[in-house]
PDB file of all heavy atoms in Angstrom:
ATOM      1  N   ALA A   1      34.642 -41.958  -8.670  1.00  0.00           N
ATOM      2  CA  ALA A   1      35.898 -41.748  -9.506  1.00  0.00           C
ATOM      3  C   ALA A   1      35.465 -41.270 -10.928  1.00  0.00           C
ATOM      4  O   ALA A   1      36.185 -40.470 -11.510  1.00  0.00           O
ATOM      5  CB  ALA A   1      36.727 -43.047  -9.625  1.00  0.00           C
ATOM      6  N   ASP A   2      34.359 -41.775 -11.379  1.00  0.00           N
ATOM      7  CA  ASP A   2      33.983 -41.408 -12.802  1.00  0.00           C
ATOM      8  C   ASP A   2      33.546 -39.962 -12.763  1.00  0.00           C
ATOM      9  O   ASP A   2      33.701 -39.211 -13.744  1.00  0.00           O
ATOM     10  CB  ASP A   2      32.775 -42.182 -13.275  1.00  0.00           C
ATOM     11  CG  ASP A   2      33.202 -43.668 -13.560  1.00  0.00           C
ATOM     12  OD1 ASP A   2      34.448 -43.902 -13.786  1.00  0.00           O
ATOM     13  OD2 ASP A   2      32.291 -44.582 -13.528  1.00  0.00           O
ATOM     14  N   ILE A   3      32.978 -39.506 -11.672  1.00  0.00           N
ATOM     15  CA  ILE A   3      32.425 -38.174 -11.590  1.00  0.00           C
ATOM     16  C   ILE A   3      33.691 -37.196 -11.481  1.00  0.00           C
ATOM     17  O   ILE A   3      33.634 -36.095 -11.967  1.00  0.00           O
ATOM     18  CB  ILE A   3      31.518 -38.001 -10.281  1.00  0.00           C
ATOM     19  CG1 ILE A   3      30.206 -38.842 -10.534  1.00  0.00           C
ATOM     20  CG2 ILE A   3      31.199 -36.552 -10.187  1.00  0.00           C
ATOM     21  CD1 ILE A   3      29.300 -38.745  -9.327  1.00  0.00           C
ATOM     22  N   ARG A   4      34.721 -37.665 -10.759  1.00  0.00           N
ATOM     23  CA  ARG A   4      35.903 -36.861 -10.579  1.00  0.00           C
ATOM     24  C   ARG A   4      36.742 -36.776 -11.770  1.00  0.00           C
ATOM     25  O   ARG A   4      37.833 -36.071 -11.807  1.00  0.00           O
ATOM     26  CB  ARG A   4      36.719 -37.316  -9.343  1.00  0.00           C
ATOM     27  CG  ARG A   4      35.975 -37.246  -8.065  1.00  0.00           C
ATOM     28  CD  ARG A   4      36.881 -37.444  -6.907  1.00  0.00           C
ATOM     29  NE  ARG A   4      36.221 -37.334  -5.592  1.00  0.00           N
ATOM     30  CZ  ARG A   4      35.961 -38.461  -4.966  1.00  0.00           C
ATOM     31  NH1 ARG A   4      36.115 -39.638  -5.460  1.00  0.00           N
ATOM     32  NH2 ARG A   4      35.295 -38.344  -3.822  1.00  0.00           N
ATOM     33  N   THR A   5      36.384 -37.611 -12.803  1.00  0.00           N
ATOM     34  CA  THR A   5      37.271 -37.638 -14.062  1.00  0.00           C
ATOM     35  C   THR A   5      36.689 -36.581 -14.986  1.00  0.00           C
ATOM     36  O   THR A   5      35.454 -36.539 -15.302  1.00  0.00           O
ATOM     37  CB  THR A   5      37.206 -39.000 -14.610  1.00  0.00           C
ATOM     38  OG1 THR A   5      37.804 -39.903 -13.640  1.00  0.00           O
ATOM     39  CG2 THR A   5      38.182 -39.037 -15.900  1.00  0.00           C
ATOM     40  N   GLY A   6      37.537 -35.780 -15.551  1.00  0.00           N
ATOM     41  CA  GLY A   6      37.163 -34.725 -16.481  1.00  0.00           C
ATOM     42  C   GLY A   6      36.780 -35.284 -17.850  1.00  0.00           C
ATOM     43  O   GLY A   6      36.925 -36.519 -18.073  1.00  0.00           O
ATOM     44  N   GLU A   7      36.352 -34.491 -18.771  1.00  0.00           N
ATOM     45  CA  GLU A   7      35.986 -34.976 -20.119  1.00  0.00           C
ATOM     46  C   GLU A   7      37.272 -35.510 -20.748  1.00  0.00           C
ATOM     47  O   GLU A   7      38.314 -35.072 -20.625  1.00  0.00           O
ATOM     48  CB  GLU A   7      35.478 -33.725 -20.970  1.00  0.00           C
ATOM     49  CG  GLU A   7      34.258 -33.102 -20.314  1.00  0.00           C
ATOM     50  CD  GLU A   7      34.624 -31.990 -19.414  1.00  0.00           C
ATOM     51  OE1 GLU A   7      35.721 -31.967 -18.856  1.00  0.00           O
ATOM     52  OE2 GLU A   7      33.770 -31.063 -19.179  1.00  0.00           O
ATOM     53  N   GLY A   8      36.998 -36.470 -21.681  1.00  0.00           N
ATOM     54  CA  GLY A   8      38.118 -37.058 -22.296  1.00  0.00           C
ATOM     55  C   GLY A   8      38.913 -38.021 -21.492  1.00  0.00           C
ATOM     56  O   GLY A   8      40.031 -38.463 -21.834  1.00  0.00           O
ATOM     57  N   GLY A   9      38.415 -38.310 -20.277  1.00  0.00           N
ATOM     58  CA  GLY A   9      39.066 -39.248 -19.446  1.00  0.00           C
ATOM     59  C   GLY A   9      40.322 -38.743 -18.667  1.00  0.00           C
ATOM     60  O   GLY A   9      41.092 -39.507 -18.184  1.00  0.00           O
ATOM     61  N   LYS A  10      40.445 -37.419 -18.557  1.00  0.00           N
ATOM     62  CA  LYS A  10      41.569 -36.870 -17.845  1.00  0.00           C
ATOM     63  C   LYS A  10      41.186 -36.586 -16.422  1.00  0.00           C
ATOM     64  O   LYS A  10      40.341 -35.780 -16.207  1.00  0.00           O
ATOM     65  CB  LYS A  10      42.020 -35.549 -18.535  1.00  0.00           C
ATOM     66  CG  LYS A  10      43.355 -35.054 -18.026  1.00  0.00           C
ATOM     67  CD  LYS A  10      43.833 -33.947 -18.838  1.00  0.00           C
ATOM     68  CE  LYS A  10      45.262 -33.470 -18.440  1.00  0.00           C
ATOM     69  NZ  LYS A  10      45.797 -32.378 -19.169  1.00  0.00           N
ATOM     70  N   PRO A  11      41.813 -37.185 -15.394  1.00  0.00           N
ATOM     71  CA  PRO A  11      41.453 -37.037 -13.996  1.00  0.00           C
ATOM     72  C   PRO A  11      41.753 -35.654 -13.498  1.00  0.00           C
ATOM     73  O   PRO A  11      42.724 -35.007 -13.999  1.00  0.00           O
ATOM     74  CB  PRO A  11      42.255 -38.179 -13.271  1.00  0.00           C
ATOM     75  CG  PRO A  11      42.707 -39.059 -14.282  1.00  0.00           C
ATOM     76  CD  PRO A  11      42.826 -38.285 -15.637  1.00  0.00           C
ATOM     77  N   ASP A  12      41.037 -35.193 -12.506  1.00  0.00           N
ATOM     78  CA  ASP A  12      41.241 -33.888 -11.953  1.00  0.00           C
ATOM     79  C   ASP A  12      42.655 -33.824 -11.308  1.00  0.00           C
ATOM     80  O   ASP A  12      43.286 -32.784 -11.448  1.00  0.00           O
ATOM     81  CB  ASP A  12      40.248 -33.649 -10.788  1.00  0.00           C
ATOM     82  CG  ASP A  12      38.866 -33.425 -11.413  1.00  0.00           C
ATOM     83  OD1 ASP A  12      38.660 -33.292 -12.639  1.00  0.00           O
ATOM     84  OD2 ASP A  12      37.888 -33.366 -10.614  1.00  0.00           O
ATOM     85  N   ARG A  13      43.119 -34.923 -10.743  1.00  0.00           N
ATOM     86  CA  ARG A  13      44.497 -34.942 -10.202  1.00  0.00           C
ATOM     87  C   ARG A  13      45.486 -34.582 -11.283  1.00  0.00           C
ATOM     88  O   ARG A  13      46.490 -33.863 -10.926  1.00  0.00           O
ATOM     89  CB  ARG A  13      44.729 -36.333  -9.543  1.00  0.00           C
ATOM     90  CG  ARG A  13      46.130 -36.374  -8.805  1.00  0.00           C
ATOM     91  CD  ARG A  13      46.405 -37.753  -8.279  1.00  0.00           C
ATOM     92  NE  ARG A  13      45.328 -38.043  -7.275  1.00  0.00           N
ATOM     93  CZ  ARG A  13      45.344 -39.269  -6.647  1.00  0.00           C
ATOM     94  NH1 ARG A  13      46.176 -40.239  -6.898  1.00  0.00           N
ATOM     95  NH2 ARG A  13      44.358 -39.457  -5.682  1.00  0.00           N
ATOM     96  N   SER A  14      45.393 -35.153 -12.454  1.00  0.00           N
ATOM     97  CA  SER A  14      46.275 -34.910 -13.478  1.00  0.00           C
ATOM     98  C   SER A  14      46.286 -33.396 -13.893  1.00  0.00           C
ATOM     99  O   SER A  14      47.322 -32.804 -14.144  1.00  0.00           O
ATOM    100  CB  SER A  14      46.010 -35.738 -14.701  1.00  0.00           C
ATOM    101  OG  SER A  14      46.882 -35.508 -15.814  1.00  0.00           O
ATOM    102  N   VAL A  15      45.053 -32.856 -13.974  1.00  0.00           N
ATOM    103  CA  VAL A  15      44.925 -31.443 -14.409  1.00  0.00           C
ATOM    104  C   VAL A  15      45.597 -30.527 -13.323  1.00  0.00           C
ATOM    105  O   VAL A  15      46.344 -29.611 -13.633  1.00  0.00           O
ATOM    106  CB  VAL A  15      43.443 -31.029 -14.513  1.00  0.00           C
ATOM    107  CG1 VAL A  15      43.360 -29.569 -14.814  1.00  0.00           C
ATOM    108  CG2 VAL A  15      42.829 -31.872 -15.627  1.00  0.00           C
ATOM    109  N   VAL A  16      45.361 -30.853 -11.970  1.00  0.00           N
ATOM    110  CA  VAL A  16      45.937 -30.082 -10.937  1.00  0.00           C
ATOM    111  C   VAL A  16      47.417 -30.091 -10.956  1.00  0.00           C
ATOM    112  O   VAL A  16      48.114 -29.138 -10.762  1.00  0.00           O
ATOM    113  CB  VAL A  16      45.302 -30.496  -9.605  1.00  0.00           C
ATOM    114  CG1 VAL A  16      46.012 -29.808  -8.418  1.00  0.00           C
ATOM    115  CG2 VAL A  16      43.822 -30.198  -9.604  1.00  0.00           C
ATOM    116  N   ARG A  17      47.995 -31.339 -11.190  1.00  0.00           N
ATOM    117  CA  ARG A  17      49.369 -31.519 -11.227  1.00  0.00           C
ATOM    118  C   ARG A  17      50.066 -30.756 -12.359  1.00  0.00           C
ATOM    119  O   ARG A  17      51.084 -30.044 -12.083  1.00  0.00           O
ATOM    120  CB  ARG A  17      49.710 -33.009 -11.407  1.00  0.00           C
ATOM    121  CG  ARG A  17      51.166 -33.345 -11.481  1.00  0.00           C
ATOM    122  CD  ARG A  17      51.401 -34.727 -12.055  1.00  0.00           C
ATOM    123  NE  ARG A  17      50.941 -34.767 -13.463  1.00  0.00           N
ATOM    124  CZ  ARG A  17      50.456 -35.837 -14.020  1.00  0.00           C
ATOM    125  NH1 ARG A  17      50.422 -37.047 -13.353  1.00  0.00           N
ATOM    126  NH2 ARG A  17      50.009 -35.878 -15.314  1.00  0.00           N
ATOM    127  N   ASP A  18      49.489 -30.749 -13.520  1.00  0.00           N
ATOM    128  CA  ASP A  18      50.026 -29.982 -14.575  1.00  0.00           C
ATOM    129  C   ASP A  18      49.938 -28.443 -14.318  1.00  0.00           C
ATOM    130  O   ASP A  18      50.854 -27.709 -14.661  1.00  0.00           O
ATOM    131  CB  ASP A  18      49.330 -30.339 -15.964  1.00  0.00           C
ATOM    132  CG  ASP A  18      49.532 -31.741 -16.324  1.00  0.00           C
ATOM    133  OD1 ASP A  18      50.454 -32.362 -15.798  1.00  0.00           O
ATOM    134  OD2 ASP A  18      48.749 -32.257 -17.142  1.00  0.00           O
ATOM    135  N   ALA A  19      48.831 -28.055 -13.820  1.00  0.00           N
ATOM    136  CA  ALA A  19      48.648 -26.639 -13.564  1.00  0.00           C
ATOM    137  C   ALA A  19      49.540 -26.103 -12.438  1.00  0.00           C
ATOM    138  O   ALA A  19      50.163 -24.954 -12.610  1.00  0.00           O
ATOM    139  CB  ALA A  19      47.188 -26.403 -13.090  1.00  0.00           C
ATOM    140  N   LEU A  20      49.785 -26.899 -11.423  1.00  0.00           N
ATOM    141  CA  LEU A  20      50.694 -26.498 -10.429  1.00  0.00           C
ATOM    142  C   LEU A  20      52.170 -26.435 -10.951  1.00  0.00           C
ATOM    143  O   LEU A  20      52.990 -25.624 -10.496  1.00  0.00           O
ATOM    144  CB  LEU A  20      50.658 -27.495  -9.206  1.00  0.00           C
ATOM    145  CG  LEU A  20      49.476 -27.351  -8.299  1.00  0.00           C
ATOM    146  CD1 LEU A  20      49.442 -28.450  -7.252  1.00  0.00           C
ATOM    147  CD2 LEU A  20      49.476 -25.946  -7.618  1.00  0.00           C
ATOM    148  N   GLY A  21      52.440 -27.440 -11.816  1.00  0.00           N
ATOM    149  CA  GLY A  21      53.924 -27.443 -12.432  1.00  0.00           C
ATOM    150  C   GLY A  21      54.104 -26.111 -13.187  1.00  0.00           C
ATOM    151  O   GLY A  21      55.221 -25.481 -13.073  1.00  0.00           O
ATOM    152  N   VAL A  22      53.129 -25.650 -13.852  1.00  0.00           N
ATOM    153  CA  VAL A  22      53.311 -24.393 -14.635  1.00  0.00           C
ATOM    154  C   VAL A  22      53.365 -23.169 -13.660  1.00  0.00           C
ATOM    155  O   VAL A  22      54.175 -22.288 -13.850  1.00  0.00           O
ATOM    156  CB  VAL A  22      52.133 -24.198 -15.627  1.00  0.00           C
ATOM    157  CG1 VAL A  22      52.207 -22.853 -16.259  1.00  0.00           C
ATOM    158  CG2 VAL A  22      52.200 -25.240 -16.717  1.00  0.00           C
ATOM    159  N   GLY A  23      52.469 -23.192 -12.777  1.00  0.00           N
ATOM    160  CA  GLY A  23      52.377 -22.058 -11.783  1.00  0.00           C
ATOM    161  C   GLY A  23      53.692 -21.994 -10.955  1.00  0.00           C
ATOM    162  O   GLY A  23      54.152 -20.814 -10.742  1.00  0.00           O
ATOM    163  N   ILE A  24      54.194 -23.000 -10.574  1.00  0.00           N
ATOM    164  CA  ILE A  24      55.475 -22.985  -9.736  1.00  0.00           C
ATOM    165  C   ILE A  24      56.628 -22.571 -10.601  1.00  0.00           C
ATOM    166  O   ILE A  24      57.495 -21.763 -10.215  1.00  0.00           O
ATOM    167  CB  ILE A  24      55.686 -24.288  -9.047  1.00  0.00           C
ATOM    168  CG1 ILE A  24      54.560 -24.553  -7.998  1.00  0.00           C
ATOM    169  CG2 ILE A  24      57.055 -24.351  -8.398  1.00  0.00           C
ATOM    170  CD1 ILE A  24      54.665 -25.931  -7.329  1.00  0.00           C
ATOM    171  N   ALA A  25      56.826 -23.191 -11.759  1.00  0.00           N
ATOM    172  CA  ALA A  25      57.914 -22.969 -12.583  1.00  0.00           C
ATOM    173  C   ALA A  25      57.972 -21.411 -13.114  1.00  0.00           C
ATOM    174  O   ALA A  25      59.062 -20.849 -13.030  1.00  0.00           O
ATOM    175  CB  ALA A  25      57.874 -23.836 -13.858  1.00  0.00           C
ATOM    176  N   VAL A  26      56.835 -20.834 -13.491  1.00  0.00           N
ATOM    177  CA  VAL A  26      56.831 -19.526 -13.931  1.00  0.00           C
ATOM    178  C   VAL A  26      56.798 -18.559 -12.715  1.00  0.00           C
ATOM    179  O   VAL A  26      57.401 -17.510 -12.778  1.00  0.00           O
ATOM    180  CB  VAL A  26      55.578 -19.327 -14.772  1.00  0.00           C
ATOM    181  CG1 VAL A  26      55.546 -17.786 -15.293  1.00  0.00           C
ATOM    182  CG2 VAL A  26      55.635 -20.167 -16.047  1.00  0.00           C
ATOM    183  N   GLY A  27      56.167 -18.966 -11.657  1.00  0.00           N
ATOM    184  CA  GLY A  27      56.133 -18.016 -10.438  1.00  0.00           C
ATOM    185  C   GLY A  27      57.477 -17.726  -9.849  1.00  0.00           C
ATOM    186  O   GLY A  27      57.624 -16.594  -9.355  1.00  0.00           O
ATOM    187  N   LEU A  28      58.398 -18.597 -10.029  1.00  0.00           N
ATOM    188  CA  LEU A  28      59.748 -18.420  -9.539  1.00  0.00           C
ATOM    189  C   LEU A  28      60.402 -17.306 -10.224  1.00  0.00           C
ATOM    190  O   LEU A  28      61.433 -16.657  -9.698  1.00  0.00           O
ATOM    191  CB  LEU A  28      60.640 -19.683  -9.683  1.00  0.00           C
ATOM    192  CG  LEU A  28      60.182 -20.835  -8.635  1.00  0.00           C
ATOM    193  CD1 LEU A  28      60.981 -22.123  -8.915  1.00  0.00           C
ATOM    194  CD2 LEU A  28      60.261 -20.418  -7.179  1.00  0.00           C
ATOM    195  N   SER A  29      60.019 -16.959 -11.551  1.00  0.00           N
ATOM    196  CA  SER A  29      60.691 -15.902 -12.237  1.00  0.00           C
ATOM    197  C   SER A  29      60.299 -14.564 -11.622  1.00  0.00           C
ATOM    198  O   SER A  29      60.879 -13.553 -12.129  1.00  0.00           O
ATOM    199  CB  SER A  29      60.306 -15.989 -13.723  1.00  0.00           C
ATOM    200  OG  SER A  29      58.879 -15.878 -13.864  1.00  0.00           O
ATOM    201  N   GLY A  30      59.432 -14.556 -10.680  1.00  0.00           N
ATOM    202  CA  GLY A  30      59.080 -13.229  -9.982  1.00  0.00           C
ATOM    203  C   GLY A  30      60.332 -12.719  -9.296  1.00  0.00           C
ATOM    204  O   GLY A  30      60.370 -11.486  -9.031  1.00  0.00           O
ATOM    205  N   PHE A  31      61.200 -13.593  -8.941  1.00  0.00           N
ATOM    206  CA  PHE A  31      62.517 -13.160  -8.281  1.00  0.00           C
ATOM    207  C   PHE A  31      63.268 -12.232  -9.237  1.00  0.00           C
ATOM    208  O   PHE A  31      63.701 -11.140  -8.852  1.00  0.00           O
ATOM    209  CB  PHE A  31      63.431 -14.412  -8.055  1.00  0.00           C
ATOM    210  CG  PHE A  31      63.126 -15.055  -6.787  1.00  0.00           C
ATOM    211  CD1 PHE A  31      62.621 -16.365  -6.787  1.00  0.00           C
ATOM    212  CD2 PHE A  31      63.315 -14.403  -5.525  1.00  0.00           C
ATOM    213  CE1 PHE A  31      62.399 -17.068  -5.637  1.00  0.00           C
ATOM    214  CE2 PHE A  31      62.937 -15.190  -4.302  1.00  0.00           C
ATOM    215  CZ  PHE A  31      62.526 -16.438  -4.425  1.00  0.00           C
TER     216      PHE A  31
END
C-alpha cells in the first residue's frame, strides 16, 4: 500500500478518481 501511494501521501486511487472526473465532465462537451 505504501508503494502504491504517491508522493505527499496521495493514493493512486484518489489521483485516478480526480482525473476521471475531469475527463468525463469535459469530454461530454464534445456533443
